[in-house]
N, C-alpha and C. Protein backbone atom coordinates (compact mmCIF):
# COMPACT_ATOMS: atom_id res chain seq x y z
N MET A 1 0.80 -1.09 0.00
CA MET A 1 -0.05 -0.03 -0.02
C MET A 1 0.94 1.24 0.00
N ASN A 2 0.43 2.10 -0.79
CA ASN A 2 1.32 3.54 -0.82
C ASN A 2 0.57 4.31 0.28
N LYS A 3 1.48 5.15 0.70
CA LYS A 3 0.98 6.13 1.78
C LYS A 3 0.00 7.16 0.94
N PRO A 4 -1.11 7.26 1.69
CA PRO A 4 -2.00 8.19 1.10
C PRO A 4 -1.73 9.78 1.25
N LYS A 5 -2.12 10.66 0.24
CA LYS A 5 -1.92 11.99 0.50
C LYS A 5 -2.99 12.57 1.43
N HIS A 6 -4.06 12.00 1.41
CA HIS A 6 -5.22 12.44 2.31
C HIS A 6 -6.06 11.39 2.99
N HIS A 7 -6.33 11.58 4.38
CA HIS A 7 -6.91 10.67 5.12
C HIS A 7 -8.11 11.27 5.48
N ILE A 8 -9.33 10.67 5.36
CA ILE A 8 -10.53 11.41 5.76
C ILE A 8 -11.04 10.73 6.98
N PHE A 9 -11.34 11.23 8.09
CA PHE A 9 -11.79 10.72 9.25
C PHE A 9 -13.34 11.09 9.28
N VAL A 10 -14.34 9.96 9.50
CA VAL A 10 -15.66 10.25 9.79
C VAL A 10 -15.82 9.99 11.31
N CYS A 11 -16.27 10.85 12.10
CA CYS A 11 -16.71 10.58 13.40
C CYS A 11 -17.98 9.63 13.55
N ALA A 12 -17.49 8.53 14.30
CA ALA A 12 -18.61 7.48 14.58
C ALA A 12 -19.13 7.58 15.91
N SER A 13 -18.77 8.59 16.68
CA SER A 13 -19.10 8.77 18.09
C SER A 13 -18.86 7.82 19.07
N PHE A 14 -17.85 6.90 18.73
CA PHE A 14 -17.55 5.82 19.77
C PHE A 14 -16.83 6.30 20.97
N ARG A 15 -17.19 6.02 22.14
CA ARG A 15 -16.44 6.44 23.42
C ARG A 15 -15.46 5.30 23.71
N THR A 16 -14.62 5.51 24.86
CA THR A 16 -13.57 4.55 25.07
C THR A 16 -14.34 3.22 25.43
N SER A 17 -15.53 3.35 25.81
CA SER A 17 -16.14 2.05 26.36
C SER A 17 -16.64 1.12 25.16
N GLY A 18 -16.53 1.80 23.84
CA GLY A 18 -16.86 1.17 22.66
C GLY A 18 -18.58 1.52 22.20
N ASP A 19 -19.15 2.26 23.02
CA ASP A 19 -20.61 2.48 22.70
C ASP A 19 -20.54 4.06 21.90
N PRO A 20 -21.47 3.68 20.90
CA PRO A 20 -21.75 5.18 20.07
C PRO A 20 -22.65 6.05 20.82
N GLN A 21 -22.36 7.09 21.13
CA GLN A 21 -23.29 7.91 22.10
C GLN A 21 -23.31 9.27 21.54
N GLY A 22 -22.89 9.76 20.58
CA GLY A 22 -22.74 11.11 20.27
C GLY A 22 -23.79 11.37 18.99
N VAL A 23 -23.72 12.72 18.82
CA VAL A 23 -24.51 13.12 17.67
C VAL A 23 -24.29 12.56 16.29
N CYS A 24 -22.95 12.49 15.92
CA CYS A 24 -22.82 12.10 14.63
C CYS A 24 -23.08 10.60 14.42
N HIS A 25 -23.07 9.73 15.19
CA HIS A 25 -23.55 8.27 14.91
C HIS A 25 -25.07 8.42 15.11
N LYS A 26 -25.72 9.11 15.91
CA LYS A 26 -27.15 9.31 15.68
C LYS A 26 -27.91 9.76 14.56
N LYS A 27 -27.06 10.80 13.64
CA LYS A 27 -27.34 11.36 12.57
C LYS A 27 -26.87 10.52 11.36
N GLY A 28 -26.52 9.26 11.66
CA GLY A 28 -26.14 8.27 10.56
C GLY A 28 -24.84 8.58 9.89
N SER A 29 -23.73 9.11 10.55
CA SER A 29 -22.43 9.40 9.92
C SER A 29 -21.76 8.05 9.44
N THR A 30 -21.99 6.96 10.06
CA THR A 30 -21.33 5.57 9.48
C THR A 30 -21.93 5.29 8.25
N ALA A 31 -23.24 5.67 8.02
CA ALA A 31 -23.84 5.25 6.77
C ALA A 31 -23.24 5.90 5.49
N PHE A 32 -22.46 7.09 5.74
CA PHE A 32 -21.86 7.68 4.61
C PHE A 32 -20.55 7.08 4.16
N LEU A 33 -20.19 6.12 4.89
CA LEU A 33 -18.69 5.56 4.66
C LEU A 33 -18.70 4.86 3.26
N PRO A 34 -19.61 3.94 2.98
CA PRO A 34 -19.83 3.31 1.56
C PRO A 34 -19.89 4.39 0.47
N TYR A 35 -20.72 5.47 0.79
CA TYR A 35 -20.82 6.50 -0.32
C TYR A 35 -19.46 7.12 -0.37
N ILE A 36 -18.64 7.47 0.41
CA ILE A 36 -17.44 8.27 0.28
C ILE A 36 -16.61 7.31 -0.35
N GLU A 37 -16.54 6.07 0.19
CA GLU A 37 -15.53 5.20 -0.50
C GLU A 37 -15.69 4.88 -1.95
N ASN A 38 -16.88 4.75 -2.34
CA ASN A 38 -17.32 4.66 -3.70
C ASN A 38 -17.12 5.97 -4.54
N GLU A 39 -17.34 7.00 -4.06
CA GLU A 39 -16.86 8.24 -4.67
C GLU A 39 -15.41 8.44 -4.65
N ILE A 40 -14.73 8.01 -3.85
CA ILE A 40 -13.15 8.13 -3.91
C ILE A 40 -12.74 7.15 -4.96
N ILE A 41 -13.31 6.02 -5.23
CA ILE A 41 -12.95 5.10 -6.25
C ILE A 41 -13.32 5.55 -7.66
N ASP A 42 -14.66 6.08 -7.84
CA ASP A 42 -15.14 6.55 -8.90
C ASP A 42 -14.44 7.95 -9.55
N ARG A 43 -13.87 8.70 -8.58
CA ARG A 43 -13.26 9.68 -8.81
C ARG A 43 -11.73 9.48 -9.12
N GLY A 44 -11.26 8.38 -8.96
CA GLY A 44 -9.96 7.92 -9.23
C GLY A 44 -8.95 8.60 -8.24
N LEU A 45 -9.59 8.84 -6.99
CA LEU A 45 -8.72 9.44 -5.86
C LEU A 45 -7.73 8.37 -5.21
N THR A 46 -6.78 7.85 -5.93
CA THR A 46 -6.10 6.65 -5.35
C THR A 46 -5.41 7.02 -4.39
N ASP A 47 -5.08 8.20 -4.00
CA ASP A 47 -4.23 8.67 -2.86
C ASP A 47 -5.05 9.09 -1.52
N VAL A 48 -6.29 8.73 -1.43
CA VAL A 48 -7.27 9.18 -0.40
C VAL A 48 -7.73 7.99 0.14
N ILE A 49 -7.79 7.79 1.48
CA ILE A 49 -8.47 6.91 2.24
C ILE A 49 -9.42 7.42 3.17
N VAL A 50 -10.40 6.72 3.58
CA VAL A 50 -11.52 7.00 4.62
C VAL A 50 -11.54 5.98 5.73
N SER A 51 -11.67 6.41 6.91
CA SER A 51 -11.98 5.74 8.11
C SER A 51 -12.82 6.21 9.03
N SER A 52 -13.51 5.42 9.71
CA SER A 52 -14.46 5.90 10.81
C SER A 52 -13.53 5.97 12.03
N CYS A 53 -13.93 6.74 12.96
CA CYS A 53 -13.17 6.94 14.05
C CYS A 53 -14.03 7.17 15.36
N GLY A 54 -13.48 7.39 16.52
CA GLY A 54 -14.13 7.51 17.74
C GLY A 54 -14.46 8.94 17.71
N CYS A 55 -15.10 9.56 18.79
CA CYS A 55 -15.77 10.69 18.99
C CYS A 55 -14.64 11.73 18.62
N LEU A 56 -15.05 12.82 17.84
CA LEU A 56 -14.22 14.00 17.54
C LEU A 56 -14.31 15.08 18.37
N LYS A 57 -15.38 15.01 19.38
CA LYS A 57 -15.64 16.11 20.23
C LYS A 57 -16.31 17.47 19.48
N GLY A 58 -16.89 17.05 18.42
CA GLY A 58 -17.54 18.26 17.64
C GLY A 58 -19.13 18.00 17.65
N CYS A 59 -19.70 17.58 18.43
CA CYS A 59 -21.21 17.34 18.52
C CYS A 59 -22.04 18.42 18.25
N ASP A 60 -21.75 19.78 18.49
CA ASP A 60 -22.41 20.73 18.13
C ASP A 60 -22.49 20.97 16.63
N ASP A 61 -21.54 20.37 15.85
CA ASP A 61 -21.50 20.61 14.40
C ASP A 61 -21.75 19.12 13.76
N GLY A 62 -22.24 18.05 14.52
CA GLY A 62 -22.21 16.87 13.80
C GLY A 62 -23.30 16.76 12.80
N PRO A 63 -23.08 15.72 11.88
CA PRO A 63 -21.76 15.02 11.57
C PRO A 63 -20.41 15.51 11.31
N VAL A 64 -19.43 15.23 11.89
CA VAL A 64 -18.21 15.88 11.52
C VAL A 64 -17.18 14.93 10.88
N MET A 65 -16.48 15.53 9.99
CA MET A 65 -15.38 14.66 8.92
C MET A 65 -14.16 15.64 9.11
N VAL A 66 -12.93 15.11 9.32
CA VAL A 66 -11.69 15.71 9.24
C VAL A 66 -10.80 15.23 8.05
N ILE A 67 -10.18 16.19 7.57
CA ILE A 67 -9.29 15.62 6.35
C ILE A 67 -7.75 15.92 6.74
N TYR A 68 -6.85 15.11 6.88
CA TYR A 68 -5.53 15.22 7.26
C TYR A 68 -4.86 14.83 5.95
N PRO A 69 -3.73 15.51 5.95
CA PRO A 69 -2.93 16.15 6.94
C PRO A 69 -3.24 17.76 6.68
N ASP A 70 -4.29 17.81 5.94
CA ASP A 70 -4.61 19.39 6.05
C ASP A 70 -5.40 19.82 7.22
N ASN A 71 -5.67 19.25 7.95
CA ASN A 71 -6.30 19.61 9.23
C ASN A 71 -7.64 20.45 9.16
N VAL A 72 -8.59 20.14 8.09
CA VAL A 72 -9.72 20.71 7.71
C VAL A 72 -10.65 20.15 8.48
N TRP A 73 -11.47 20.60 9.13
CA TRP A 73 -12.61 20.08 9.89
C TRP A 73 -13.93 20.52 9.26
N TYR A 74 -14.82 19.50 8.97
CA TYR A 74 -16.16 19.79 8.42
C TYR A 74 -17.10 19.36 9.25
N GLY A 75 -18.26 20.14 9.23
CA GLY A 75 -19.43 20.02 10.27
C GLY A 75 -20.60 20.01 9.45
N LYS A 76 -21.72 19.33 10.01
CA LYS A 76 -23.13 19.18 9.48
C LYS A 76 -22.97 18.56 8.17
N VAL A 77 -22.15 17.48 7.99
CA VAL A 77 -21.88 16.84 6.63
C VAL A 77 -23.10 15.79 6.72
N ASP A 78 -24.30 16.15 6.43
CA ASP A 78 -25.49 15.38 6.46
C ASP A 78 -26.07 14.66 5.28
N GLY A 79 -25.23 14.53 4.27
CA GLY A 79 -25.58 13.83 3.16
C GLY A 79 -24.69 13.82 1.85
N GLU A 80 -25.07 13.03 0.89
CA GLU A 80 -24.41 13.07 -0.45
C GLU A 80 -23.94 14.46 -0.87
N GLU A 81 -24.96 15.48 -0.78
CA GLU A 81 -24.58 16.74 -1.41
C GLU A 81 -23.47 17.34 -0.85
N ALA A 82 -23.29 17.33 0.47
CA ALA A 82 -22.15 17.84 1.36
C ALA A 82 -21.07 17.09 1.09
N ILE A 83 -21.05 15.65 0.92
CA ILE A 83 -19.86 14.92 0.82
C ILE A 83 -19.39 15.28 -0.69
N ASP A 84 -20.14 15.36 -1.54
CA ASP A 84 -19.75 15.82 -2.96
C ASP A 84 -19.06 17.03 -2.97
N GLU A 85 -19.61 17.86 -2.43
CA GLU A 85 -18.92 19.46 -2.23
C GLU A 85 -17.54 19.17 -1.60
N ILE A 86 -17.42 18.48 -0.44
CA ILE A 86 -16.22 18.44 0.24
C ILE A 86 -15.19 17.71 -0.75
N LEU A 87 -15.53 16.49 -1.56
CA LEU A 87 -14.62 15.73 -2.34
C LEU A 87 -14.31 16.72 -3.47
N ASP A 88 -15.28 17.47 -3.99
CA ASP A 88 -14.91 18.29 -4.96
C ASP A 88 -13.92 19.28 -4.83
N ALA A 89 -14.05 19.84 -3.34
CA ALA A 89 -12.88 20.79 -2.89
C ALA A 89 -11.42 20.10 -2.94
N LEU A 90 -11.65 18.92 -2.31
CA LEU A 90 -10.18 18.15 -2.11
C LEU A 90 -9.66 17.95 -3.36
N GLU A 91 -10.61 17.57 -4.53
CA GLU A 91 -9.90 17.26 -5.89
C GLU A 91 -9.27 18.63 -6.30
N ASP A 92 -9.81 19.71 -6.07
CA ASP A 92 -9.15 20.98 -6.54
C ASP A 92 -8.33 21.67 -5.38
N ASP A 93 -7.73 20.71 -4.63
CA ASP A 93 -6.81 21.34 -3.35
C ASP A 93 -7.41 22.59 -2.72
N GLY A 94 -8.62 22.45 -2.68
CA GLY A 94 -9.36 23.70 -1.81
C GLY A 94 -10.17 23.30 -0.51
N VAL A 95 -10.97 24.07 -0.28
CA VAL A 95 -11.63 23.90 0.99
C VAL A 95 -13.14 24.06 0.68
N ALA A 96 -14.06 23.20 1.17
CA ALA A 96 -15.55 23.43 1.04
C ALA A 96 -16.07 24.29 2.18
N ASP A 97 -16.01 25.60 1.80
CA ASP A 97 -16.24 26.59 2.95
C ASP A 97 -17.63 26.44 3.51
N ASN A 98 -18.82 25.89 2.76
CA ASN A 98 -20.15 25.74 3.35
C ASN A 98 -20.01 24.87 4.54
N TYR A 99 -19.10 23.98 4.64
CA TYR A 99 -19.02 22.96 5.62
C TYR A 99 -17.92 23.23 6.61
N LYS A 100 -17.07 24.00 6.41
CA LYS A 100 -15.80 24.20 7.20
C LYS A 100 -16.23 24.66 8.55
N ILE A 101 -15.68 23.85 9.54
CA ILE A 101 -15.90 24.48 10.99
C ILE A 101 -14.38 24.83 11.69
N ALA A 102 -13.56 24.38 11.15
CA ALA A 102 -12.04 24.64 11.54
C ALA A 102 -10.97 24.65 10.58
């Protein structure tokens, strides 16, 4: 495996006990993973990977995604339209300002 240029983390709200308790999980963030993965493949973004992760402590803005190493935080990522806008920006080496929270 080659080292990816970008790593997308999708908050799954898991706590250290292993239980999903936060906003992101309740709003279906983990259901976005297959869509994101398929879009990455369809767009030929071979240098991008996606992972679900524990709570990112951004409940006020959930569902939350973070793109590293750019350290761009996105909030209210609530469907395919938001994901498409974020991935479009990633392809253009830009930022999806409509969803950026940090």
